[in-house]
Amino acid sequence: MKTTKIILIIDDDDIHQYISKKTIAKLGADSPVFSCPNGEIGLEKLLQEYSKDEHFIIFLDINMPIMNGWEFIEKFLSLNLNANDNIDIYLVSSSTDSVDIKKADESGCIKEFLSKPIAIEKYKSILKE
């Protein structure tokens, strides 16, 4: 049973992190929101907070230092954490490269590809799910 939502914003762009956190707060979400500057720290935070009883929403950037979004996905899939469908990953990018969009569709674990900036209505619909 999914009882709590935990939100991870994995992005090296401080401005995007700030706007995302403010938007989520403005929508009245009482979920804990964590910002991580790269995939490696994001994966560590996910593993630290992980529980099958909680629902995770991850906004994952593609281009980051240390561990990019694709490397995060590769490691995530190897851990088999999504077996209970309690983790929703949204790939977020300012790129609209069709190769990235196709790769996201074929990954098997990315719920949706989102272009930056994310509209407030999109955040609202994601948080209501």
N, C-alpha and C. Protein backbone atom coordinates (compact mmCIF):
# COMPACT_ATOMS: atom_id res chain seq x y z
N MET A 1 0.84 -1.19 0.00
CA MET A 1 0.00 0.00 0.00
C MET A 1 0.88 1.25 0.00
N LYS A 2 0.59 2.18 -0.86
CA LYS A 2 1.33 3.43 -0.95
C LYS A 2 0.73 4.43 0.02
N THR A 3 1.51 4.84 1.01
CA THR A 3 0.95 5.72 2.03
C THR A 3 1.52 7.13 1.98
N THR A 4 2.77 7.26 1.68
CA THR A 4 3.43 8.56 1.69
C THR A 4 4.10 8.80 0.35
N LYS A 5 4.06 10.04 -0.11
CA LYS A 5 4.81 10.38 -1.31
C LYS A 5 6.11 11.04 -0.88
N ILE A 6 7.18 10.61 -1.48
CA ILE A 6 8.48 11.23 -1.30
C ILE A 6 8.93 11.68 -2.68
N ILE A 7 9.33 12.94 -2.78
CA ILE A 7 9.71 13.51 -4.08
C ILE A 7 11.21 13.75 -4.11
N LEU A 8 11.84 13.25 -5.17
CA LEU A 8 13.26 13.50 -5.41
C LEU A 8 13.41 14.31 -6.69
N ILE A 9 14.11 15.43 -6.59
CA ILE A 9 14.44 16.23 -7.76
C ILE A 9 15.93 16.02 -7.99
N ILE A 10 16.25 15.27 -9.02
CA ILE A 10 17.65 14.96 -9.31
C ILE A 10 18.05 15.78 -10.53
N ASP A 11 18.76 16.87 -10.26
CA ASP A 11 19.07 17.84 -11.31
C ASP A 11 20.22 18.73 -10.83
N ASP A 12 21.17 19.00 -11.69
CA ASP A 12 22.29 19.85 -11.31
C ASP A 12 21.99 21.34 -11.48
N ASP A 13 20.83 21.67 -11.97
CA ASP A 13 20.43 23.06 -12.18
C ASP A 13 19.74 23.60 -10.92
N ASP A 14 20.44 24.44 -10.18
CA ASP A 14 19.92 24.98 -8.92
C ASP A 14 18.61 25.75 -9.12
N ILE A 15 18.51 26.46 -10.22
CA ILE A 15 17.30 27.24 -10.49
C ILE A 15 16.11 26.31 -10.72
N HIS A 16 16.32 25.24 -11.49
CA HIS A 16 15.24 24.27 -11.71
C HIS A 16 14.82 23.61 -10.39
N GLN A 17 15.80 23.27 -9.57
CA GLN A 17 15.49 22.68 -8.26
C GLN A 17 14.64 23.64 -7.43
N TYR A 18 15.06 24.89 -7.38
CA TYR A 18 14.36 25.90 -6.58
C TYR A 18 12.92 26.10 -7.08
N ILE A 19 12.77 26.27 -8.37
CA ILE A 19 11.43 26.49 -8.95
C ILE A 19 10.54 25.27 -8.71
N SER A 20 11.09 24.08 -8.88
CA SER A 20 10.32 22.86 -8.67
C SER A 20 9.85 22.76 -7.23
N LYS A 21 10.75 23.00 -6.29
CA LYS A 21 10.38 22.92 -4.87
C LYS A 21 9.30 23.95 -4.52
N LYS A 22 9.45 25.17 -5.02
CA LYS A 22 8.48 26.23 -4.75
C LYS A 22 7.12 25.89 -5.37
N THR A 23 7.13 25.36 -6.58
CA THR A 23 5.89 24.99 -7.25
C THR A 23 5.18 23.88 -6.49
N ILE A 24 5.91 22.88 -6.09
CA ILE A 24 5.33 21.75 -5.35
C ILE A 24 4.75 22.25 -4.02
N ALA A 25 5.47 23.12 -3.34
CA ALA A 25 4.97 23.69 -2.08
C ALA A 25 3.72 24.53 -2.32
N LYS A 26 3.72 25.31 -3.40
CA LYS A 26 2.57 26.16 -3.73
C LYS A 26 1.31 25.32 -3.98
N LEU A 27 1.50 24.13 -4.49
CA LEU A 27 0.37 23.24 -4.75
C LEU A 27 -0.14 22.57 -3.47
N GLY A 28 0.51 22.85 -2.36
CA GLY A 28 0.05 22.33 -1.08
C GLY A 28 0.49 20.92 -0.77
N ALA A 29 1.46 20.42 -1.50
CA ALA A 29 1.94 19.06 -1.23
C ALA A 29 2.67 19.04 0.11
N ASP A 30 2.31 18.08 0.92
CA ASP A 30 3.00 17.95 2.20
C ASP A 30 4.05 16.85 2.16
N SER A 31 4.39 16.43 0.98
CA SER A 31 5.40 15.40 0.78
C SER A 31 6.79 15.96 1.04
N PRO A 32 7.67 15.13 1.62
CA PRO A 32 9.06 15.57 1.72
C PRO A 32 9.66 15.68 0.31
N VAL A 33 10.41 16.74 0.08
CA VAL A 33 11.04 16.97 -1.22
C VAL A 33 12.55 17.07 -1.01
N PHE A 34 13.29 16.24 -1.72
CA PHE A 34 14.74 16.24 -1.62
C PHE A 34 15.34 16.63 -2.97
N SER A 35 16.36 17.48 -2.94
CA SER A 35 17.08 17.88 -4.15
C SER A 35 18.45 17.22 -4.15
N CYS A 36 18.82 16.69 -5.28
CA CYS A 36 20.11 16.03 -5.44
C CYS A 36 20.77 16.56 -6.71
N PRO A 37 22.06 16.95 -6.65
CA PRO A 37 22.71 17.58 -7.80
C PRO A 37 23.20 16.62 -8.89
N ASN A 38 23.10 15.31 -8.65
CA ASN A 38 23.50 14.36 -9.68
C ASN A 38 22.87 13.00 -9.37
N GLY A 39 22.97 12.09 -10.32
CA GLY A 39 22.35 10.78 -10.17
C GLY A 39 22.92 9.95 -9.05
N GLU A 40 24.20 10.07 -8.81
CA GLU A 40 24.83 9.29 -7.74
C GLU A 40 24.24 9.65 -6.37
N ILE A 41 24.15 10.94 -6.09
CA ILE A 41 23.58 11.39 -4.82
C ILE A 41 22.09 11.07 -4.79
N GLY A 42 21.42 11.20 -5.93
CA GLY A 42 20.01 10.86 -6.01
C GLY A 42 19.75 9.39 -5.71
N LEU A 43 20.59 8.52 -6.23
CA LEU A 43 20.45 7.09 -5.97
C LEU A 43 20.71 6.78 -4.50
N GLU A 44 21.72 7.42 -3.93
CA GLU A 44 22.00 7.24 -2.50
C GLU A 44 20.80 7.67 -1.66
N LYS A 45 20.19 8.80 -2.00
CA LYS A 45 19.03 9.30 -1.26
C LYS A 45 17.84 8.35 -1.42
N LEU A 46 17.62 7.86 -2.62
CA LEU A 46 16.54 6.91 -2.86
C LEU A 46 16.73 5.66 -1.99
N LEU A 47 17.93 5.12 -1.97
CA LEU A 47 18.20 3.92 -1.17
C LEU A 47 18.06 4.20 0.32
N GLN A 48 18.44 5.40 0.74
CA GLN A 48 18.33 5.79 2.15
C GLN A 48 16.87 5.88 2.57
N GLU A 49 16.01 6.42 1.71
CA GLU A 49 14.61 6.67 2.04
C GLU A 49 13.68 5.52 1.64
N TYR A 50 14.20 4.56 0.87
CA TYR A 50 13.34 3.55 0.26
C TYR A 50 12.55 2.71 1.27
N SER A 51 11.29 2.56 0.96
CA SER A 51 10.38 1.67 1.69
C SER A 51 9.30 1.26 0.70
N LYS A 52 8.89 0.01 0.76
CA LYS A 52 7.83 -0.47 -0.14
C LYS A 52 6.49 0.17 0.18
N ASP A 53 6.36 0.77 1.37
CA ASP A 53 5.10 1.38 1.78
C ASP A 53 4.99 2.83 1.34
N GLU A 54 6.00 3.35 0.68
CA GLU A 54 5.99 4.75 0.27
C GLU A 54 6.03 4.85 -1.25
N HIS A 55 5.44 5.90 -1.74
CA HIS A 55 5.39 6.16 -3.18
C HIS A 55 6.42 7.24 -3.50
N PHE A 56 7.32 6.93 -4.39
CA PHE A 56 8.36 7.87 -4.76
C PHE A 56 8.06 8.48 -6.12
N ILE A 57 8.25 9.78 -6.21
CA ILE A 57 8.16 10.50 -7.47
C ILE A 57 9.53 11.10 -7.71
N ILE A 58 10.13 10.74 -8.82
CA ILE A 58 11.48 11.21 -9.14
C ILE A 58 11.42 12.04 -10.41
N PHE A 59 11.91 13.28 -10.32
CA PHE A 59 12.09 14.14 -11.49
C PHE A 59 13.59 14.09 -11.80
N LEU A 60 13.94 13.42 -12.88
CA LEU A 60 15.33 13.10 -13.21
C LEU A 60 15.81 13.83 -14.45
N ASP A 61 16.83 14.64 -14.29
CA ASP A 61 17.45 15.32 -15.43
C ASP A 61 18.32 14.32 -16.20
N ILE A 62 18.57 14.60 -17.45
CA ILE A 62 19.43 13.72 -18.25
C ILE A 62 20.90 14.11 -18.09
N ASN A 63 21.21 15.37 -18.36
CA ASN A 63 22.60 15.81 -18.40
C ASN A 63 23.04 16.38 -17.06
N MET A 64 23.86 15.59 -16.35
CA MET A 64 24.40 16.00 -15.05
C MET A 64 25.82 15.46 -14.93
N PRO A 65 26.61 16.08 -14.07
CA PRO A 65 27.95 15.56 -13.83
C PRO A 65 27.90 14.31 -12.93
N ILE A 66 28.99 13.62 -12.85
CA ILE A 66 29.23 12.45 -12.00
C ILE A 66 28.40 11.24 -12.44
N MET A 67 27.07 11.31 -12.34
CA MET A 67 26.19 10.25 -12.85
C MET A 67 25.00 10.93 -13.53
N ASN A 68 24.91 10.75 -14.85
CA ASN A 68 23.81 11.40 -15.58
C ASN A 68 22.52 10.58 -15.44
N GLY A 69 21.46 11.07 -16.03
CA GLY A 69 20.17 10.40 -15.92
C GLY A 69 20.14 8.99 -16.47
N TRP A 70 20.82 8.78 -17.60
CA TRP A 70 20.82 7.44 -18.19
C TRP A 70 21.61 6.46 -17.32
N GLU A 71 22.70 6.92 -16.74
CA GLU A 71 23.48 6.07 -15.83
C GLU A 71 22.66 5.74 -14.58
N PHE A 72 21.91 6.74 -14.09
CA PHE A 72 21.02 6.51 -12.95
C PHE A 72 20.02 5.41 -13.28
N ILE A 73 19.39 5.51 -14.46
CA ILE A 73 18.39 4.52 -14.88
C ILE A 73 19.01 3.13 -14.95
N GLU A 74 20.20 3.03 -15.52
CA GLU A 74 20.88 1.74 -15.64
C GLU A 74 21.10 1.12 -14.25
N LYS A 75 21.60 1.92 -13.33
CA LYS A 75 21.85 1.43 -11.97
C LYS A 75 20.53 1.10 -11.26
N PHE A 76 19.55 1.96 -11.42
CA PHE A 76 18.23 1.75 -10.82
C PHE A 76 17.64 0.42 -11.27
N LEU A 77 17.68 0.15 -12.57
CA LEU A 77 17.13 -1.10 -13.09
C LEU A 77 17.87 -2.32 -12.55
N SER A 78 19.17 -2.19 -12.34
CA SER A 78 19.95 -3.32 -11.82
C SER A 78 19.59 -3.64 -10.37
N LEU A 79 19.04 -2.68 -9.65
CA LEU A 79 18.66 -2.89 -8.25
C LEU A 79 17.26 -3.50 -8.10
N ASN A 80 16.48 -3.51 -9.19
CA ASN A 80 15.13 -4.07 -9.21
C ASN A 80 14.23 -3.47 -8.12
N LEU A 81 14.36 -2.18 -7.90
CA LEU A 81 13.56 -1.51 -6.88
C LEU A 81 12.12 -1.26 -7.32
N ASN A 82 11.87 -1.22 -8.60
CA ASN A 82 10.55 -0.84 -9.08
C ASN A 82 9.60 -2.02 -9.23
N ALA A 83 9.95 -3.15 -8.65
CA ALA A 83 9.11 -4.34 -8.78
C ALA A 83 7.72 -4.14 -8.19
N ASN A 84 7.58 -3.25 -7.21
CA ASN A 84 6.28 -3.01 -6.58
C ASN A 84 5.56 -1.80 -7.15
N ASP A 85 6.07 -1.23 -8.21
CA ASP A 85 5.46 -0.07 -8.86
C ASP A 85 5.23 1.10 -7.91
N ASN A 86 6.13 1.29 -6.97
CA ASN A 86 5.98 2.41 -6.05
C ASN A 86 6.96 3.55 -6.34
N ILE A 87 7.59 3.49 -7.51
CA ILE A 87 8.52 4.55 -7.91
C ILE A 87 8.15 5.02 -9.31
N ASP A 88 7.79 6.29 -9.43
CA ASP A 88 7.49 6.89 -10.72
C ASP A 88 8.62 7.82 -11.11
N ILE A 89 9.24 7.55 -12.24
CA ILE A 89 10.35 8.37 -12.71
C ILE A 89 9.88 9.19 -13.91
N TYR A 90 10.08 10.49 -13.80
CA TYR A 90 9.79 11.42 -14.89
C TYR A 90 11.13 11.97 -15.37
N LEU A 91 11.46 11.70 -16.60
CA LEU A 91 12.70 12.21 -17.18
C LEU A 91 12.46 13.65 -17.59
N VAL A 92 13.31 14.55 -17.11
CA VAL A 92 13.13 15.98 -17.33
C VAL A 92 14.35 16.51 -18.08
N SER A 93 14.09 17.26 -19.14
CA SER A 93 15.21 17.80 -19.91
C SER A 93 14.79 19.05 -20.67
N SER A 94 15.75 19.90 -20.90
CA SER A 94 15.50 21.06 -21.76
C SER A 94 15.69 20.65 -23.23
N SER A 95 16.22 19.45 -23.43
CA SER A 95 16.40 18.91 -24.77
C SER A 95 15.11 18.24 -25.23
N THR A 96 14.81 18.39 -26.48
CA THR A 96 13.68 17.66 -27.07
C THR A 96 14.21 16.71 -28.14
N ASP A 97 15.43 16.23 -27.93
CA ASP A 97 16.08 15.31 -28.85
C ASP A 97 15.24 14.03 -28.98
N SER A 98 14.87 13.69 -30.18
CA SER A 98 14.03 12.51 -30.41
C SER A 98 14.71 11.22 -29.96
N VAL A 99 16.05 11.20 -29.97
CA VAL A 99 16.79 10.02 -29.50
C VAL A 99 16.54 9.83 -28.00
N ASP A 100 16.59 10.93 -27.23
CA ASP A 100 16.33 10.85 -25.79
C ASP A 100 14.89 10.44 -25.51
N ILE A 101 13.97 10.98 -26.25
CA ILE A 101 12.55 10.66 -26.05
C ILE A 101 12.30 9.18 -26.37
N LYS A 102 12.88 8.69 -27.44
CA LYS A 102 12.73 7.27 -27.80
C LYS A 102 13.38 6.37 -26.75
N LYS A 103 14.56 6.76 -26.29
CA LYS A 103 15.26 5.98 -25.27
C LYS A 103 14.44 5.93 -23.98
N ALA A 104 13.82 7.04 -23.62
CA ALA A 104 12.96 7.10 -22.43
C ALA A 104 11.77 6.15 -22.59
N ASP A 105 11.15 6.16 -23.76
CA ASP A 105 10.01 5.27 -24.03
C ASP A 105 10.39 3.80 -23.94
N GLU A 106 11.60 3.49 -24.37
CA GLU A 106 12.05 2.10 -24.41
C GLU A 106 12.65 1.60 -23.10
N SER A 107 12.86 2.50 -22.14
CA SER A 107 13.55 2.13 -20.90
C SER A 107 12.76 1.15 -20.04
N GLY A 108 11.44 1.23 -20.12
CA GLY A 108 10.62 0.36 -19.31
C GLY A 108 10.37 0.85 -17.89
N CYS A 109 11.01 1.94 -17.50
CA CYS A 109 10.80 2.43 -16.13
C CYS A 109 10.49 3.92 -16.06
N ILE A 110 10.55 4.61 -17.18
CA ILE A 110 10.28 6.04 -17.17
C ILE A 110 8.80 6.25 -17.49
N LYS A 111 8.13 6.91 -16.57
CA LYS A 111 6.69 7.13 -16.73
C LYS A 111 6.39 8.12 -17.84
N GLU A 112 7.22 9.19 -17.92
CA GLU A 112 6.97 10.20 -18.94
C GLU A 112 8.21 11.07 -19.13
N PHE A 113 8.38 11.56 -20.35
CA PHE A 113 9.44 12.51 -20.68
C PHE A 113 8.83 13.90 -20.59
N LEU A 114 9.41 14.76 -19.75
CA LEU A 114 8.91 16.12 -19.57
C LEU A 114 9.94 17.14 -20.03
N SER A 115 9.49 18.16 -20.71
CA SER A 115 10.38 19.24 -21.14
C SER A 115 10.39 20.34 -20.09
N LYS A 116 11.59 20.90 -19.86
CA LYS A 116 11.72 22.04 -18.95
C LYS A 116 11.28 23.29 -19.68
N PRO A 117 10.67 24.22 -19.01
CA PRO A 117 10.21 24.15 -17.63
C PRO A 117 8.90 23.37 -17.55
N ILE A 118 8.70 22.71 -16.43
CA ILE A 118 7.49 21.91 -16.23
C ILE A 118 6.36 22.86 -15.80
N ALA A 119 5.24 22.75 -16.48
CA ALA A 119 4.08 23.61 -16.18
C ALA A 119 3.47 23.22 -14.83
N ILE A 120 2.93 24.21 -14.14
CA ILE A 120 2.31 23.97 -12.83
C ILE A 120 1.18 22.95 -12.94
N GLU A 121 0.44 22.96 -14.03
CA GLU A 121 -0.65 21.99 -14.22
C GLU A 121 -0.11 20.56 -14.30
N LYS A 122 1.07 20.41 -14.89
CA LYS A 122 1.67 19.08 -14.98
C LYS A 122 2.07 18.58 -13.59
N TYR A 123 2.69 19.48 -12.81
CA TYR A 123 3.02 19.10 -11.42
C TYR A 123 1.77 18.69 -10.68
N LYS A 124 0.70 19.46 -10.86
CA LYS A 124 -0.56 19.20 -10.16
C LYS A 124 -1.08 17.81 -10.52
N SER A 125 -1.08 17.46 -11.79
CA SER A 125 -1.61 16.15 -12.20
C SER A 125 -0.72 15.00 -11.70
N ILE A 126 0.58 15.22 -11.67
CA ILE A 126 1.50 14.19 -11.17
C ILE A 126 1.30 13.97 -9.68
N LEU A 127 1.17 15.03 -8.94
CA LEU A 127 1.02 14.91 -7.48
C LEU A 127 -0.32 14.31 -7.07
N LYS A 128 -1.34 14.44 -7.93
CA LYS A 128 -2.65 13.87 -7.62
C LYS A 128 -2.71 12.36 -7.85
N GLU A 129 -1.82 11.84 -8.69
CA GLU A 129 -1.85 10.40 -9.02
C GLU A 129 -1.62 9.54 -7.80
